[in-house]
C-alpha atoms as a PDB file:
ATOM      1  CA  MET A   1     -51.040  11.881 -52.281  1.00  0.00           C
ATOM      2  CA  ALA A   2     -49.717  10.991 -48.836  1.00  0.00           C
ATOM      3  CA  GLU A   3     -50.708  12.928 -45.725  1.00  0.00           C
ATOM      4  CA  CYS A   4     -48.104  13.244 -42.984  1.00  0.00           C
ATOM      5  CA  GLY A   5     -49.457  12.770 -39.478  1.00  0.00           C
ATOM      6  CA  VAL A   6     -46.475  13.951 -37.433  1.00  0.00           C
ATOM      7  CA  CYS A   7     -47.520  17.530 -36.613  1.00  0.00           C
ATOM      8  CA  PHE A   8     -50.327  20.047 -37.038  1.00  0.00           C
ATOM      9  CA  ARG A   9     -49.279  20.840 -40.624  1.00  0.00           C
ATOM     10  CA  HIS A  10     -50.479  17.486 -42.011  1.00  0.00           C
ATOM     11  CA  CYS A  11     -48.494  18.076 -45.199  1.00  0.00           C
ATOM     12  CA  ARG A  12     -50.069  16.460 -48.283  1.00  0.00           C
ATOM     13  CA  LEU A  13     -47.242  15.233 -50.439  1.00  0.00           C
ATOM     14  CA  LYS A  14     -46.874  13.777 -53.903  1.00  0.00           C
ATOM     15  CA  GLU A  15     -44.759  10.657 -54.361  1.00  0.00           C
ATOM     16  CA  GLY A  16     -41.131  11.562 -53.644  1.00  0.00           C
ATOM     17  CA  GLN A  17     -41.976  15.031 -52.320  1.00  0.00           C
ATOM     18  CA  ILE A  18     -40.274  16.213 -49.119  1.00  0.00           C
ATOM     19  CA  GLY A  19     -42.401  17.881 -46.443  1.00  0.00           C
ATOM     20  CA  PHE A  20     -42.194  21.358 -44.950  1.00  0.00           C
ATOM     21  CA  CYS A  21     -39.872  20.079 -42.208  1.00  0.00           C
ATOM     22  CA  GLY A  22     -37.278  18.795 -44.660  1.00  0.00           C
ATOM     23  CA  GLY A  23     -37.130  15.508 -42.802  1.00  0.00           C
ATOM     24  CA  ARG A  24     -40.063  13.489 -44.155  1.00  0.00           C
ATOM     25  CA  ILE A  25     -40.843  12.174 -47.625  1.00  0.00           C
ATOM     26  CA  ALA A  26     -43.810  10.579 -49.413  1.00  0.00           C
ATOM     27  CA  LYS A  27     -43.177   7.011 -50.459  1.00  0.00           C
ATOM     28  CA  ASP A  28     -45.651   4.357 -51.609  1.00  0.00           C
ATOM     29  CA  GLY A  29     -48.643   6.400 -50.483  1.00  0.00           C
ATOM     30  CA  ARG A  30     -47.411   7.183 -46.977  1.00  0.00           C
ATOM     31  CA  THR A  31     -44.784   9.351 -45.341  1.00  0.00           C
ATOM     32  CA  GLU A  32     -41.584   8.136 -43.750  1.00  0.00           C
ATOM     33  CA  ALA A  33     -38.449   9.619 -42.222  1.00  0.00           C
ATOM     34  CA  TYR A  34     -36.317  10.953 -45.076  1.00  0.00           C
ATOM     35  CA  ASN A  35     -33.653  11.681 -42.437  1.00  0.00           C
ATOM     36  CA  TYR A  36     -33.747   8.176 -40.895  1.00  0.00           C
ATOM     37  CA  GLY A  37     -30.357   7.520 -39.303  1.00  0.00           C
ATOM     38  CA  ARG A  38     -28.754  10.392 -41.182  1.00  0.00           C
ATOM     39  CA  ILE A  39     -26.483  12.061 -38.668  1.00  0.00           C
ATOM     40  CA  THR A  40     -25.089  15.596 -38.750  1.00  0.00           C
ATOM     41  CA  SER A  41     -23.929  15.925 -35.127  1.00  0.00           C
ATOM     42  CA  LEU A  42     -22.555  13.585 -32.471  1.00  0.00           C
ATOM     43  CA  ALA A  43     -21.060  14.629 -29.123  1.00  0.00           C
ATOM     44  CA  LEU A  44     -20.746  13.456 -25.539  1.00  0.00           C
ATOM     45  CA  ASP A  45     -22.313  16.200 -23.417  1.00  0.00           C
ATOM     46  CA  PRO A  46     -23.081  16.835 -19.747  1.00  0.00           C
ATOM     47  CA  ILE A  47     -26.747  16.037 -19.137  1.00  0.00           C
ATOM     48  CA  GLU A  48     -27.201  19.582 -17.783  1.00  0.00           C
ATOM     49  CA  LYS A  49     -26.508  20.930 -21.287  1.00  0.00           C
ATOM     50  CA  LYS A  50     -29.755  19.499 -22.656  1.00  0.00           C
ATOM     51  CA  PRO A  51     -30.821  21.164 -20.273  1.00  0.00           C
ATOM     52  CA  LEU A  52     -31.878  18.593 -17.688  1.00  0.00           C
ATOM     53  CA  ASN A  53     -31.015  19.563 -14.133  1.00  0.00           C
ATOM     54  CA  ARG A  54     -33.034  16.985 -12.223  1.00  0.00           C
ATOM     55  CA  PHE A  55     -32.376  13.839 -14.264  1.00  0.00           C
ATOM     56  CA  PHE A  56     -29.163  11.973 -13.353  1.00  0.00           C
ATOM     57  CA  PRO A  57     -27.240  15.186 -12.611  1.00  0.00           C
ATOM     58  CA  GLY A  58     -23.497  14.971 -13.118  1.00  0.00           C
ATOM     59  CA  SER A  59     -23.755  12.323 -15.823  1.00  0.00           C
ATOM     60  CA  MET A  60     -22.875  12.486 -19.515  1.00  0.00           C
ATOM     61  CA  ILE A  61     -25.066  11.632 -22.489  1.00  0.00           C
ATOM     62  CA  LEU A  62     -24.312  10.898 -26.127  1.00  0.00           C
ATOM     63  CA  SER A  63     -26.056  13.647 -28.114  1.00  0.00           C
ATOM     64  CA  VAL A  64     -27.056  13.027 -31.719  1.00  0.00           C
ATOM     65  CA  GLY A  65     -28.672  15.242 -34.345  1.00  0.00           C
ATOM     66  CA  SER A  66     -29.986  14.856 -37.867  1.00  0.00           C
ATOM     67  CA  PHE A  67     -31.511  17.576 -40.078  1.00  0.00           C
ATOM     68  CA  GLY A  68     -34.884  19.303 -40.465  1.00  0.00           C
ATOM     69  CA  CYS A  69     -37.456  21.065 -38.280  1.00  0.00           C
ATOM     70  CA  ASN A  70     -41.192  21.769 -38.431  1.00  0.00           C
ATOM     71  CA  LEU A  71     -40.905  25.275 -36.913  1.00  0.00           C
ATOM     72  CA  ARG A  72     -39.316  28.404 -38.366  1.00  0.00           C
ATOM     73  CA  CYS A  73     -37.893  30.213 -35.351  1.00  0.00           C
ATOM     74  CA  PRO A  74     -36.039  33.204 -36.820  1.00  0.00           C
ATOM     75  CA  PHE A  75     -33.420  33.033 -34.029  1.00  0.00           C
ATOM     76  CA  CYS A  76     -32.652  29.318 -34.468  1.00  0.00           C
ATOM     77  CA  GLN A  77     -29.373  28.369 -32.804  1.00  0.00           C
ATOM     78  CA  ASN A  78     -28.909  25.311 -35.021  1.00  0.00           C
ATOM     79  CA  TYR A  79     -30.197  26.736 -38.294  1.00  0.00           C
ATOM     80  CA  GLU A  80     -27.381  25.068 -40.252  1.00  0.00           C
ATOM     81  CA  ILE A  81     -29.083  21.708 -39.745  1.00  0.00           C
ATOM     82  CA  SER A  82     -32.642  22.728 -38.881  1.00  0.00           C
ATOM     83  CA  TRP A  83     -33.836  25.084 -41.589  1.00  0.00           C
ATOM     84  CA  SER A  84     -31.655  26.916 -44.062  1.00  0.00           C
ATOM     85  CA  GLU A  85     -29.923  26.329 -47.357  1.00  0.00           C
ATOM     86  CA  GLN A  86     -27.176  24.580 -45.378  1.00  0.00           C
ATOM     87  CA  ALA A  87     -29.767  22.173 -43.961  1.00  0.00           C
ATOM     88  CA  LYS A  88     -30.799  21.227 -47.495  1.00  0.00           C
ATOM     89  CA  ARG A  89     -27.177  20.426 -48.305  1.00  0.00           C
ATOM     90  CA  PHE A  90     -26.891  18.273 -45.178  1.00  0.00           C
ATOM     91  CA  ALA A  91     -29.797  16.237 -46.546  1.00  0.00           C
ATOM     92  CA  LEU A  92     -27.460  15.196 -49.344  1.00  0.00           C
ATOM     93  CA  THR A  93     -24.250  14.692 -47.369  1.00  0.00           C
ATOM     94  CA  ALA A  94     -25.241  13.434 -43.892  1.00  0.00           C
ATOM     95  CA  GLU A  95     -23.661  10.148 -42.829  1.00  0.00           C
ATOM     96  CA  THR A  96     -26.091   7.275 -42.309  1.00  0.00           C
ATOM     97  CA  ILE A  97     -25.848   5.178 -39.154  1.00  0.00           C
ATOM     98  CA  ALA A  98     -28.026   2.247 -38.134  1.00  0.00           C
ATOM     99  CA  PRO A  99     -29.782   2.127 -34.745  1.00  0.00           C
ATOM    100  CA  GLU A 100     -27.589  -0.846 -33.803  1.00  0.00           C
ATOM    101  CA  ALA A 101     -24.430   1.138 -34.527  1.00  0.00           C
ATOM    102  CA  LEU A 102     -25.581   4.144 -32.499  1.00  0.00           C
ATOM    103  CA  ALA A 103     -26.532   1.924 -29.557  1.00  0.00           C
ATOM    104  CA  ALA A 104     -23.087   0.310 -29.759  1.00  0.00           C
ATOM    105  CA  ILE A 105     -21.387   3.720 -29.585  1.00  0.00           C
ATOM    106  CA  ALA A 106     -23.499   4.586 -26.554  1.00  0.00           C
ATOM    107  CA  ASN A 107     -22.437   1.333 -24.906  1.00  0.00           C
ATOM    108  CA  ARG A 108     -18.756   1.969 -25.578  1.00  0.00           C
ATOM    109  CA  THR A 109     -18.913   5.407 -23.957  1.00  0.00           C
ATOM    110  CA  ARG A 110     -20.324   4.127 -20.666  1.00  0.00           C
ATOM    111  CA  SER A 111     -16.802   4.204 -19.271  1.00  0.00           C
ATOM    112  CA  ARG A 112     -16.820   7.987 -19.819  1.00  0.00           C
ATOM    113  CA  GLY A 113     -19.953   8.447 -17.723  1.00  0.00           C
ATOM    114  CA  ASN A 114     -22.473   8.068 -20.549  1.00  0.00           C
ATOM    115  CA  ILE A 115     -25.990   7.016 -19.534  1.00  0.00           C
ATOM    116  CA  GLY A 116     -27.577   6.814 -22.982  1.00  0.00           C
ATOM    117  CA  VAL A 117     -28.519   8.858 -26.045  1.00  0.00           C
ATOM    118  CA  ALA A 118     -30.110  12.298 -26.350  1.00  0.00           C
ATOM    119  CA  PHE A 119     -31.808  13.062 -29.661  1.00  0.00           C
ATOM    120  CA  THR A 120     -31.282  16.789 -30.050  1.00  0.00           C
ATOM    121  CA  TYR A 121     -29.825  19.679 -32.112  1.00  0.00           C
ATOM    122  CA  ASN A 122     -32.487  19.566 -34.852  1.00  0.00           C
ATOM    123  CA  GLU A 123     -36.110  18.493 -34.221  1.00  0.00           C
ATOM    124  CA  PRO A 124     -35.973  14.748 -33.466  1.00  0.00           C
ATOM    125  CA  LEU A 125     -39.712  14.054 -33.610  1.00  0.00           C
ATOM    126  CA  ILE A 126     -39.910  14.591 -37.367  1.00  0.00           C
ATOM    127  CA  GLY A 127     -37.788  11.437 -37.603  1.00  0.00           C
ATOM    128  CA  TYR A 128     -39.407   9.634 -34.712  1.00  0.00           C
ATOM    129  CA  GLU A 129     -38.981   6.213 -36.326  1.00  0.00           C
ATOM    130  CA  PHE A 130     -35.204   6.328 -35.891  1.00  0.00           C
ATOM    131  CA  VAL A 131     -35.624   7.545 -32.305  1.00  0.00           C
ATOM    132  CA  ARG A 132     -38.047   4.688 -31.584  1.00  0.00           C
ATOM    133  CA  ASP A 133     -35.910   1.969 -33.169  1.00  0.00           C
ATOM    134  CA  THR A 134     -32.757   3.117 -31.392  1.00  0.00           C
ATOM    135  CA  ALA A 135     -34.521   3.621 -28.068  1.00  0.00           C
ATOM    136  CA  LYS A 136     -35.746   0.021 -28.091  1.00  0.00           C
ATOM    137  CA  LEU A 137     -32.152  -1.172 -28.325  1.00  0.00           C
ATOM    138  CA  LEU A 138     -30.973   1.252 -25.656  1.00  0.00           C
ATOM    139  CA  LYS A 139     -33.624   0.069 -23.226  1.00  0.00           C
ATOM    140  CA  ALA A 140     -32.566  -3.541 -23.752  1.00  0.00           C
ATOM    141  CA  GLU A 141     -29.005  -2.518 -22.799  1.00  0.00           C
ATOM    142  CA  GLY A 142     -30.096  -0.572 -19.712  1.00  0.00           C
ATOM    143  CA  LEU A 143     -29.320   2.782 -21.324  1.00  0.00           C
ATOM    144  CA  MET A 144     -31.458   5.916 -21.224  1.00  0.00           C
ATOM    145  CA  THR A 145     -33.238   7.733 -24.060  1.00  0.00           C
ATOM    146  CA  VAL A 146     -33.630  11.504 -23.874  1.00  0.00           C
ATOM    147  CA  ILE A 147     -35.400  13.739 -26.398  1.00  0.00           C
ATOM    148  CA  VAL A 148     -34.865  17.487 -26.704  1.00  0.00           C
ATOM    149  CA  THR A 149     -37.826  18.755 -28.711  1.00  0.00           C
ATOM    150  CA  ASN A 150     -40.093  21.655 -29.598  1.00  0.00           C
ATOM    151  CA  GLY A 151     -43.062  19.423 -28.733  1.00  0.00           C
ATOM    152  CA  THR A 152     -44.807  20.120 -32.030  1.00  0.00           C
ATOM    153  CA  ALA A 153     -46.145  16.637 -32.685  1.00  0.00           C
ATOM    154  CA  GLU A 154     -49.377  14.709 -32.657  1.00  0.00           C
ATOM    155  CA  LEU A 155     -50.032  12.448 -29.682  1.00  0.00           C
ATOM    156  CA  ALA A 156     -49.894   9.412 -31.978  1.00  0.00           C
ATOM    157  CA  VAL A 157     -46.166  10.091 -32.351  1.00  0.00           C
ATOM    158  CA  TRP A 158     -45.764  10.107 -28.583  1.00  0.00           C
ATOM    159  CA  ASP A 159     -47.693   6.836 -28.353  1.00  0.00           C
ATOM    160  CA  GLU A 160     -44.993   5.259 -30.540  1.00  0.00           C
ATOM    161  CA  LEU A 161     -42.207   6.581 -28.341  1.00  0.00           C
ATOM    162  CA  LYS A 162     -43.419   6.633 -24.762  1.00  0.00           C
ATOM    163  CA  PRO A 163     -42.590   3.000 -23.838  1.00  0.00           C
ATOM    164  CA  TYR A 164     -38.908   3.756 -24.490  1.00  0.00           C
ATOM    165  CA  VAL A 165     -38.279   7.401 -23.516  1.00  0.00           C
ATOM    166  CA  ASP A 166     -36.901   8.238 -20.070  1.00  0.00           C
ATOM    167  CA  ALA A 167     -36.698  12.044 -20.148  1.00  0.00           C
ATOM    168  CA  MET A 168     -37.404  15.069 -22.319  1.00  0.00           C
ATOM    169  CA  ASN A 169     -36.672  18.737 -22.392  1.00  0.00           C
ATOM    170  CA  ILE A 170     -39.527  20.396 -24.271  1.00  0.00           C
ATOM    171  CA  ASP A 171     -39.554  23.980 -25.466  1.00  0.00           C
ATOM    172  CA  LEU A 172     -42.526  25.986 -24.277  1.00  0.00           C
ATOM    173  CA  LYS A 173     -41.384  28.983 -26.260  1.00  0.00           C
ATOM    174  CA  GLY A 174     -44.009  31.420 -25.065  1.00  0.00           C
ATOM    175  CA  PHE A 175     -47.598  31.557 -23.930  1.00  0.00           C
ATOM    176  CA  THR A 176     -49.475  33.437 -26.638  1.00  0.00           C
ATOM    177  CA  ASP A 177     -50.901  32.126 -29.881  1.00  0.00           C
ATOM    178  CA  ARG A 178     -49.677  35.252 -31.669  1.00  0.00           C
ATOM    179  CA  TYR A 179     -46.043  34.469 -30.836  1.00  0.00           C
ATOM    180  CA  TYR A 180     -46.346  30.832 -31.816  1.00  0.00           C
ATOM    181  CA  ASN A 181     -48.294  31.474 -35.012  1.00  0.00           C
ATOM    182  CA  GLU A 182     -46.710  34.657 -36.349  1.00  0.00           C
ATOM    183  CA  VAL A 183     -43.106  34.424 -35.149  1.00  0.00           C
ATOM    184  CA  LEU A 184     -42.376  30.699 -34.828  1.00  0.00           C
ATOM    185  CA  GLY A 185     -44.782  29.229 -37.366  1.00  0.00           C
ATOM    186  CA  GLY A 186     -46.080  26.806 -34.759  1.00  0.00           C
ATOM    187  CA  ASP A 187     -49.121  25.764 -32.735  1.00  0.00           C
ATOM    188  CA  ARG A 188     -49.024  26.468 -28.993  1.00  0.00           C
ATOM    189  CA  ARG A 189     -52.021  24.251 -28.211  1.00  0.00           C
ATOM    190  CA  GLN A 190     -50.376  21.243 -29.805  1.00  0.00           C
ATOM    191  CA  VAL A 191     -47.241  21.797 -27.724  1.00  0.00           C
ATOM    192  CA  MET A 192     -49.266  22.099 -24.522  1.00  0.00           C
ATOM    193  CA  SER A 193     -51.153  18.879 -25.291  1.00  0.00           C
ATOM    194  CA  PHE A 194     -47.875  17.090 -25.997  1.00  0.00           C
ATOM    195  CA  ILE A 195     -46.411  18.273 -22.678  1.00  0.00           C
ATOM    196  CA  GLU A 196     -49.512  17.174 -20.773  1.00  0.00           C
ATOM    197  CA  ALA A 197     -49.206  13.691 -22.274  1.00  0.00           C
ATOM    198  CA  ALA A 198     -45.445  13.401 -21.780  1.00  0.00           C
ATOM    199  CA  VAL A 199     -45.402  14.154 -18.055  1.00  0.00           C
ATOM    200  CA  LYS A 200     -47.609  11.147 -17.424  1.00  0.00           C
ATOM    201  CA  THR A 201     -44.904   8.680 -18.383  1.00  0.00           C
ATOM    202  CA  CYS A 202     -41.425  10.277 -18.404  1.00  0.00           C
ATOM    203  CA  HIS A 203     -39.392  12.962 -16.672  1.00  0.00           C
ATOM    204  CA  VAL A 204     -39.997  16.351 -18.313  1.00  0.00           C
ATOM    205  CA  GLU A 205     -38.265  19.698 -17.988  1.00  0.00           C
ATOM    206  CA  LEU A 206     -39.307  22.765 -19.991  1.00  0.00           C
ATOM    207  CA  THR A 207     -37.349  25.612 -21.561  1.00  0.00           C
ATOM    208  CA  THR A 208     -38.508  29.130 -22.430  1.00  0.00           C
ATOM    209  CA  LEU A 209     -36.138  31.382 -24.370  1.00  0.00           C
ATOM    210  CA  ILE A 210     -36.863  35.029 -23.538  1.00  0.00           C
ATOM    211  CA  VAL A 211     -36.815  37.213 -26.666  1.00  0.00           C
ATOM    212  CA  PRO A 212     -36.943  41.000 -26.102  1.00  0.00           C
ATOM    213  CA  GLY A 213     -40.192  42.507 -27.307  1.00  0.00           C
ATOM    214  CA  GLU A 214     -41.803  39.121 -27.928  1.00  0.00           C
ATOM    215  CA  ASN A 215     -42.344  37.030 -24.775  1.00  0.00           C
ATOM    216  CA  ASP A 216     -40.619  39.060 -22.041  1.00  0.00           C
ATOM    217  CA  GLY A 217     -43.666  40.346 -20.188  1.00  0.00           C
ATOM    218  CA  GLU A 218     -44.305  39.479 -16.548  1.00  0.00           C
ATOM    219  CA  GLU A 219     -47.967  38.656 -17.104  1.00  0.00           C
ATOM    220  CA  GLU A 220     -47.135  36.174 -19.855  1.00  0.00           C
ATOM    221  CA  MET A 221     -44.548  34.487 -17.640  1.00  0.00           C
ATOM    222  CA  ARG A 222     -47.018  34.431 -14.770  1.00  0.00           C
ATOM    223  CA  ALA A 223     -49.638  32.723 -16.942  1.00  0.00           C
ATOM    224  CA  LEU A 224     -47.078  30.271 -18.332  1.00  0.00           C
ATOM    225  CA  SER A 225     -45.693  29.293 -14.940  1.00  0.00           C
ATOM    226  CA  GLN A 226     -49.144  28.919 -13.402  1.00  0.00           C
ATOM    227  CA  TRP A 227     -50.039  26.486 -16.171  1.00  0.00           C
ATOM    228  CA  VAL A 228     -46.793  24.555 -15.666  1.00  0.00           C
ATOM    229  CA  ALA A 229     -47.536  24.379 -11.931  1.00  0.00           C
ATOM    230  CA  ARG A 230     -50.512  22.137 -12.714  1.00  0.00           C
ATOM    231  CA  LEU A 231     -48.193  19.490 -14.133  1.00  0.00           C
ATOM    232  CA  LYS A 232     -46.388  16.770 -12.183  1.00  0.00           C
ATOM    233  CA  ASN A 233     -43.666  14.397 -13.274  1.00  0.00           C
ATOM    234  CA  PRO A 234     -44.200  10.661 -12.676  1.00  0.00           C
ATOM    235  CA  ASP A 235     -42.370  10.841  -9.344  1.00  0.00           C
ATOM    236  CA  GLY A 236     -44.852  13.448  -8.131  1.00  0.00           C
ATOM    237  CA  THR A 237     -42.460  16.407  -8.262  1.00  0.00           C
ATOM    238  CA  GLY A 238     -43.122  19.610 -10.138  1.00  0.00           C
ATOM    239  CA  VAL A 239     -41.884  20.168 -13.674  1.00  0.00           C
ATOM    240  CA  PRO A 240     -38.705  22.297 -13.780  1.00  0.00           C
ATOM    241  CA  LEU A 241     -38.657  25.403 -15.977  1.00  0.00           C
ATOM    242  CA  HIS A 242     -35.462  26.719 -17.586  1.00  0.00           C
ATOM    243  CA  ILE A 243     -35.616  30.408 -18.510  1.00  0.00           C
ATOM    244  CA  SER A 244     -32.923  31.253 -21.033  1.00  0.00           C
ATOM    245  CA  ARG A 245     -31.359  34.365 -22.491  1.00  0.00           C
ATOM    246  CA  PHE A 246     -31.685  35.189 -26.194  1.00  0.00           C
ATOM    247  CA  PHE A 247     -28.753  36.288 -28.339  1.00  0.00           C
ATOM    248  CA  PRO A 248     -29.092  37.800 -31.845  1.00  0.00           C
ATOM    249  CA  ARG A 249     -28.824  34.982 -34.361  1.00  0.00           C
ATOM    250  CA  PHE A 250     -29.731  33.910 -37.889  1.00  0.00           C
ATOM    251  CA  HIS A 251     -32.715  35.995 -39.137  1.00  0.00           C
ATOM    252  CA  MET A 252     -33.301  37.833 -35.853  1.00  0.00           C
ATOM    253  CA  GLN A 253     -30.448  40.278 -35.430  1.00  0.00           C
ATOM    254  CA  ASP A 254     -32.600  43.385 -35.147  1.00  0.00           C
ATOM    255  CA  ARG A 255     -32.437  43.471 -31.335  1.00  0.00           C
ATOM    256  CA  LYS A 256     -29.897  43.102 -28.586  1.00  0.00           C
ATOM    257  CA  ALA A 257     -29.418  40.122 -26.316  1.00  0.00           C
ATOM    258  CA  THR A 258     -31.932  39.761 -23.510  1.00  0.00           C
ATOM    259  CA  PRO A 259     -30.778  41.776 -20.501  1.00  0.00           C
ATOM    260  CA  VAL A 260     -29.627  39.476 -17.727  1.00  0.00           C
ATOM    261  CA  ARG A 261     -31.799  41.375 -15.271  1.00  0.00           C
ATOM    262  CA  THR A 262     -34.855  40.518 -17.400  1.00  0.00           C
ATOM    263  CA  VAL A 263     -34.110  36.798 -17.182  1.00  0.00           C
ATOM    264  CA  TYR A 264     -33.651  37.003 -13.412  1.00  0.00           C
ATOM    265  CA  ARG A 265     -36.817  39.092 -13.006  1.00  0.00           C
ATOM    266  CA  LEU A 266     -38.916  36.614 -14.992  1.00  0.00           C
ATOM    267  CA  ALA A 267     -37.371  33.710 -13.082  1.00  0.00           C
ATOM    268  CA  ASN A 268     -38.566  35.315  -9.858  1.00  0.00           C
ATOM    269  CA  VAL A 269     -42.043  35.681 -11.361  1.00  0.00           C
ATOM    270  CA  ALA A 270     -42.025  31.987 -12.276  1.00  0.00           C
ATOM    271  CA  ARG A 271     -40.948  31.071  -8.741  1.00  0.00           C
ATOM    272  CA  GLU A 272     -44.248  32.448  -7.461  1.00  0.00           C
ATOM    273  CA  ALA A 273     -45.789  29.224  -8.818  1.00  0.00           C
ATOM    274  CA  LEU A 274     -42.919  26.770  -9.375  1.00  0.00           C
ATOM    275  CA  ASP A 275     -40.438  25.009  -7.105  1.00  0.00           C
ATOM    276  CA  PHE A 276     -37.743  24.444  -9.725  1.00  0.00           C
ATOM    277  CA  VAL A 277     -36.737  27.417 -11.894  1.00  0.00           C
ATOM    278  CA  TYR A 278     -33.322  27.713 -13.539  1.00  0.00           C
ATOM    279  CA  THR A 279     -31.730  30.495 -15.555  1.00  0.00           C
ATOM    280  CA  GLY A 280     -29.573  29.878 -18.614  1.00  0.00           C
ATOM    281  CA  ASN A 281     -27.102  31.718 -20.858  1.00  0.00           C
ATOM    282  CA  CYS A 282     -26.527  34.355 -18.190  1.00  0.00           C
END
């Protein structure tokens, strides 16, 4: 048996067995990235789309995704590659690209305003080895590495990555254990620990998607934003919080989109404690 050490699940896997996330596999008594270099998505995006509003604003970044995720958010926007029957099919058909080839693409797109690579769309940390190997090459070329993540990873994973990562947007999806455990299938405390470690060495911005009836209360937002206010990025500035609007999607179509007024109201609550609050999908 091999025990995976990437997230709180610590999946114990038989030889050749794929983990809960769909992106890791047991091989020779250990686990490795089953999705290593296997690409499902590639696009040149504005950096603000990650979203990162205070990290090289106005620039572009090459965004790359693979397949698999260690959460089970019922409203997943990228369920086709994160967790679904389609995601399992992508595991069989995804194109494989080497870190050297991805770094070369990033270099070629500098003329279009590209500053580096963002690992995004699915959960990049379940395949952290590919992120690490590519990021080393990017750093040598003076290019940036960005990770867009749910933050559900052990600190040992961050230790592998932190010498090479320049910025992250991390989901802080809510501020109750009930929401994380029962709705998302996650671990809020692990995410908070990951955020606390990340802000020490790279630029971090956070995103909270507001789902009606789940995490849309003022007191929860007040507690969340007060916790975020304790954090500082390496340059000494506060950590920005993006508050986004939910739309019915995937397995959660039993409620309407978040009212715009709710997003604005919760943003104002967050501004009681934070200097940088942004609203999204409004």
